Amino acid sequence: MPQINTHYVSGPIDKLVYEAAEAAGLPDLVVAGFDGEALAWRWNVARAAIQEARDILLRIAVAVPGVAIVEISVIATSPQVRNHDRSRVVSRRQEASPAAIDPEWLAVNLRKAHETALQL
């Protein structure tokens, strides 16, 4: 699990996400940051035999105080067809805040997304 600086606001959320990702068997390499609307984490889970990129995308958006939207998607990108991404929402949930996300729910749904990514 990466080192997490808990002095930053996203530190506790990162800890929650990385622990759930580890429990779900996701790769250690993750791209994380703010995408302009939400905190986002993206894991590439494609196997060498698959020519498409297969990513799991976790987004946590706080649109208004007291409402955090958690969404887990799978994205398949073909290198042969430009601008042709296939995306499937695996799970979406509303919480009172990012801190209220159930770690077990997150791990189960990240694992489900991993399985879905390998079947697309």
C-alpha atoms as a PDB file:
ATOM      1  CA  MET A   1       0.000   0.000   0.000  1.00  0.00           C
ATOM      2  CA  PRO A   2       1.361   3.473  -0.850  1.00  0.00           C
ATOM      3  CA  GLN A   3       2.472   5.848   1.885  1.00  0.00           C
ATOM      4  CA  ILE A   4      -0.344   8.247   2.690  1.00  0.00           C
ATOM      5  CA  ASN A   5       0.038  11.748   4.055  1.00  0.00           C
ATOM      6  CA  THR A   6      -2.946  12.001   6.394  1.00  0.00           C
ATOM      7  CA  HIS A   7      -2.332  15.716   6.952  1.00  0.00           C
ATOM      8  CA  TYR A   8      -4.049  16.414   3.624  1.00  0.00           C
ATOM      9  CA  VAL A   9      -7.834  16.307   3.320  1.00  0.00           C
ATOM     10  CA  SER A  10      -7.764  13.320   0.950  1.00  0.00           C
ATOM     11  CA  GLY A  11      -5.413  11.333   3.198  1.00  0.00           C
ATOM     12  CA  PRO A  12      -8.117   9.410   5.125  1.00  0.00           C
ATOM     13  CA  ILE A  13     -10.057   8.804   1.887  1.00  0.00           C
ATOM     14  CA  ASP A  14      -6.890   7.535   0.173  1.00  0.00           C
ATOM     15  CA  LYS A  15      -6.307   5.153   3.069  1.00  0.00           C
ATOM     16  CA  LEU A  16      -9.862   3.804   2.754  1.00  0.00           C
ATOM     17  CA  VAL A  17      -9.536   3.408  -1.022  1.00  0.00           C
ATOM     18  CA  TYR A  18      -6.089   1.759  -0.983  1.00  0.00           C
ATOM     19  CA  GLU A  19      -7.073  -0.713   1.732  1.00  0.00           C
ATOM     20  CA  ALA A  20     -10.243  -1.653  -0.205  1.00  0.00           C
ATOM     21  CA  ALA A  21      -8.237  -1.955  -3.445  1.00  0.00           C
ATOM     22  CA  GLU A  22      -5.716  -4.214  -1.743  1.00  0.00           C
ATOM     23  CA  ALA A  23      -8.536  -6.394  -0.350  1.00  0.00           C
ATOM     24  CA  ALA A  24     -10.068  -6.540  -3.858  1.00  0.00           C
ATOM     25  CA  GLY A  25      -6.791  -7.722  -5.391  1.00  0.00           C
ATOM     26  CA  LEU A  26      -6.237  -4.660  -7.581  1.00  0.00           C
ATOM     27  CA  PRO A  27      -2.739  -3.777  -8.811  1.00  0.00           C
ATOM     28  CA  ASP A  28      -0.540  -1.545  -6.670  1.00  0.00           C
ATOM     29  CA  LEU A  29      -0.096   0.934  -9.514  1.00  0.00           C
ATOM     30  CA  VAL A  30      -2.894   3.507  -9.501  1.00  0.00           C
ATOM     31  CA  VAL A  31      -3.388   6.946 -11.009  1.00  0.00           C
ATOM     32  CA  ALA A  32      -5.145   9.205  -8.528  1.00  0.00           C
ATOM     33  CA  GLY A  33      -6.156  12.829  -8.375  1.00  0.00           C
ATOM     34  CA  PHE A  34      -8.933  15.344  -8.859  1.00  0.00           C
ATOM     35  CA  ASP A  35     -10.521  15.187 -12.331  1.00  0.00           C
ATOM     36  CA  GLY A  36     -12.238  18.580 -12.132  1.00  0.00           C
ATOM     37  CA  GLU A  37     -15.444  17.180 -10.638  1.00  0.00           C
ATOM     38  CA  ALA A  38     -14.450  14.360  -8.320  1.00  0.00           C
ATOM     39  CA  LEU A  39     -11.621  12.589  -6.569  1.00  0.00           C
ATOM     40  CA  ALA A  40     -10.675   9.757  -8.925  1.00  0.00           C
ATOM     41  CA  TRP A  41      -8.594   6.577  -8.787  1.00  0.00           C
ATOM     42  CA  ARG A  42      -7.859   4.535 -11.922  1.00  0.00           C
ATOM     43  CA  TRP A  43      -6.302   1.066 -12.091  1.00  0.00           C
ATOM     44  CA  ASN A  44      -5.264  -0.659 -15.329  1.00  0.00           C
ATOM     45  CA  VAL A  45      -6.167  -4.332 -14.925  1.00  0.00           C
ATOM     46  CA  ALA A  46      -5.650  -5.630 -18.490  1.00  0.00           C
ATOM     47  CA  ARG A  47      -3.815  -8.903 -18.888  1.00  0.00           C
ATOM     48  CA  ALA A  48      -1.006  -9.191 -21.420  1.00  0.00           C
ATOM     49  CA  ALA A  49      -3.173 -11.361 -23.712  1.00  0.00           C
ATOM     50  CA  ILE A  50      -5.837  -8.625 -23.939  1.00  0.00           C
ATOM     51  CA  GLN A  51      -5.099  -5.949 -26.528  1.00  0.00           C
ATOM     52  CA  GLU A  52      -7.557  -3.452 -25.049  1.00  0.00           C
ATOM     53  CA  ALA A  53      -6.801  -1.327 -22.016  1.00  0.00           C
ATOM     54  CA  ARG A  54      -9.104  -2.312 -19.167  1.00  0.00           C
ATOM     55  CA  ASP A  55      -9.411   0.188 -16.368  1.00  0.00           C
ATOM     56  CA  ILE A  56     -11.344   0.370 -13.145  1.00  0.00           C
ATOM     57  CA  LEU A  57     -12.378   3.910 -12.306  1.00  0.00           C
ATOM     58  CA  LEU A  58     -13.509   4.940  -8.828  1.00  0.00           C
ATOM     59  CA  ARG A  59     -14.915   8.454  -8.494  1.00  0.00           C
ATOM     60  CA  ILE A  60     -16.087  10.184  -5.326  1.00  0.00           C
ATOM     61  CA  ALA A  61     -17.880  13.461  -5.976  1.00  0.00           C
ATOM     62  CA  VAL A  62     -19.283  15.872  -3.416  1.00  0.00           C
ATOM     63  CA  ALA A  63     -21.757  17.977  -5.379  1.00  0.00           C
ATOM     64  CA  VAL A  64     -23.394  19.590  -2.355  1.00  0.00           C
ATOM     65  CA  PRO A  65     -22.574  19.368   1.351  1.00  0.00           C
ATOM     66  CA  GLY A  66     -24.039  16.204   2.834  1.00  0.00           C
ATOM     67  CA  VAL A  67     -24.110  14.269  -0.458  1.00  0.00           C
ATOM     68  CA  ALA A  68     -21.186  12.217  -1.760  1.00  0.00           C
ATOM     69  CA  ILE A  69     -21.678  10.142  -4.906  1.00  0.00           C
ATOM     70  CA  VAL A  70     -19.471   7.050  -5.156  1.00  0.00           C
ATOM     71  CA  GLU A  71     -19.247   5.430  -8.586  1.00  0.00           C
ATOM     72  CA  ILE A  72     -17.212   2.444  -9.737  1.00  0.00           C
ATOM     73  CA  SER A  73     -16.920   1.879 -13.495  1.00  0.00           C
ATOM     74  CA  VAL A  74     -15.055  -0.351 -15.887  1.00  0.00           C
ATOM     75  CA  ILE A  75     -13.625   1.223 -19.036  1.00  0.00           C
ATOM     76  CA  ALA A  76     -12.356  -0.748 -22.044  1.00  0.00           C
ATOM     77  CA  THR A  77     -10.295   1.186 -24.584  1.00  0.00           C
ATOM     78  CA  SER A  78      -9.299  -0.295 -27.922  1.00  0.00           C
ATOM     79  CA  PRO A  79      -5.993   0.945 -29.362  1.00  0.00           C
ATOM     80  CA  GLN A  80      -7.285   0.125 -32.855  1.00  0.00           C
ATOM     81  CA  VAL A  81     -10.457   2.230 -32.752  1.00  0.00           C
ATOM     82  CA  ARG A  82      -9.863   5.864 -31.874  1.00  0.00           C
ATOM     83  CA  ASN A  83     -12.283   7.501 -29.400  1.00  0.00           C
ATOM     84  CA  HIS A  84     -14.195   4.270 -28.864  1.00  0.00           C
ATOM     85  CA  ASP A  85     -14.247   3.590 -25.158  1.00  0.00           C
ATOM     86  CA  ARG A  86     -16.786   1.191 -23.699  1.00  0.00           C
ATOM     87  CA  SER A  87     -17.808   2.010 -20.168  1.00  0.00           C
ATOM     88  CA  ARG A  88     -19.999   0.163 -17.705  1.00  0.00           C
ATOM     89  CA  VAL A  89     -21.051   1.380 -14.267  1.00  0.00           C
ATOM     90  CA  VAL A  90     -20.607  -1.498 -11.843  1.00  0.00           C
ATOM     91  CA  SER A  91     -21.887   0.253  -8.743  1.00  0.00           C
ATOM     92  CA  ARG A  92     -23.129   3.662  -7.681  1.00  0.00           C
ATOM     93  CA  ARG A  93     -24.034   4.782  -4.189  1.00  0.00           C
ATOM     94  CA  GLN A  94     -24.853   7.958  -2.316  1.00  0.00           C
ATOM     95  CA  GLU A  95     -23.353   8.657   1.099  1.00  0.00           C
ATOM     96  CA  ALA A  96     -23.512  11.558   3.539  1.00  0.00           C
ATOM     97  CA  SER A  97     -19.759  12.143   3.093  1.00  0.00           C
ATOM     98  CA  PRO A  98     -16.697  10.354   1.732  1.00  0.00           C
ATOM     99  CA  ALA A  99     -15.850   9.349   5.301  1.00  0.00           C
ATOM    100  CA  ALA A 100     -19.172   7.454   5.504  1.00  0.00           C
ATOM    101  CA  ILE A 101     -18.230   4.995   2.741  1.00  0.00           C
ATOM    102  CA  ASP A 102     -18.383   1.423   4.024  1.00  0.00           C
ATOM    103  CA  PRO A 103     -14.937  -0.154   3.480  1.00  0.00           C
ATOM    104  CA  GLU A 104     -16.423  -3.629   3.009  1.00  0.00           C
ATOM    105  CA  TRP A 105     -18.900  -2.376   0.382  1.00  0.00           C
ATOM    106  CA  LEU A 106     -16.062  -0.624  -1.429  1.00  0.00           C
ATOM    107  CA  ALA A 107     -13.811  -3.722  -1.432  1.00  0.00           C
ATOM    108  CA  VAL A 108     -16.632  -6.005  -2.628  1.00  0.00           C
ATOM    109  CA  ASN A 109     -17.562  -3.661  -5.467  1.00  0.00           C
ATOM    110  CA  LEU A 110     -13.967  -3.051  -6.546  1.00  0.00           C
ATOM    111  CA  ARG A 111     -13.552  -6.842  -6.706  1.00  0.00           C
ATOM    112  CA  LYS A 112     -16.775  -7.068  -8.741  1.00  0.00           C
ATOM    113  CA  ALA A 113     -15.426  -4.376 -11.107  1.00  0.00           C
ATOM    114  CA  HIS A 114     -12.171  -6.314 -11.473  1.00  0.00           C
ATOM    115  CA  GLU A 115     -14.076  -9.451 -12.460  1.00  0.00           C
ATOM    116  CA  THR A 116     -16.237  -7.443 -14.876  1.00  0.00           C
ATOM    117  CA  ALA A 117     -13.171  -5.833 -16.485  1.00  0.00           C
ATOM    118  CA  LEU A 118     -11.681  -9.207 -17.278  1.00  0.00           C
ATOM    119  CA  GLN A 119     -14.954 -10.385 -18.894  1.00  0.00           C
ATOM    120  CA  LEU A 120     -15.608  -7.395 -21.190  1.00  0.00           C
END
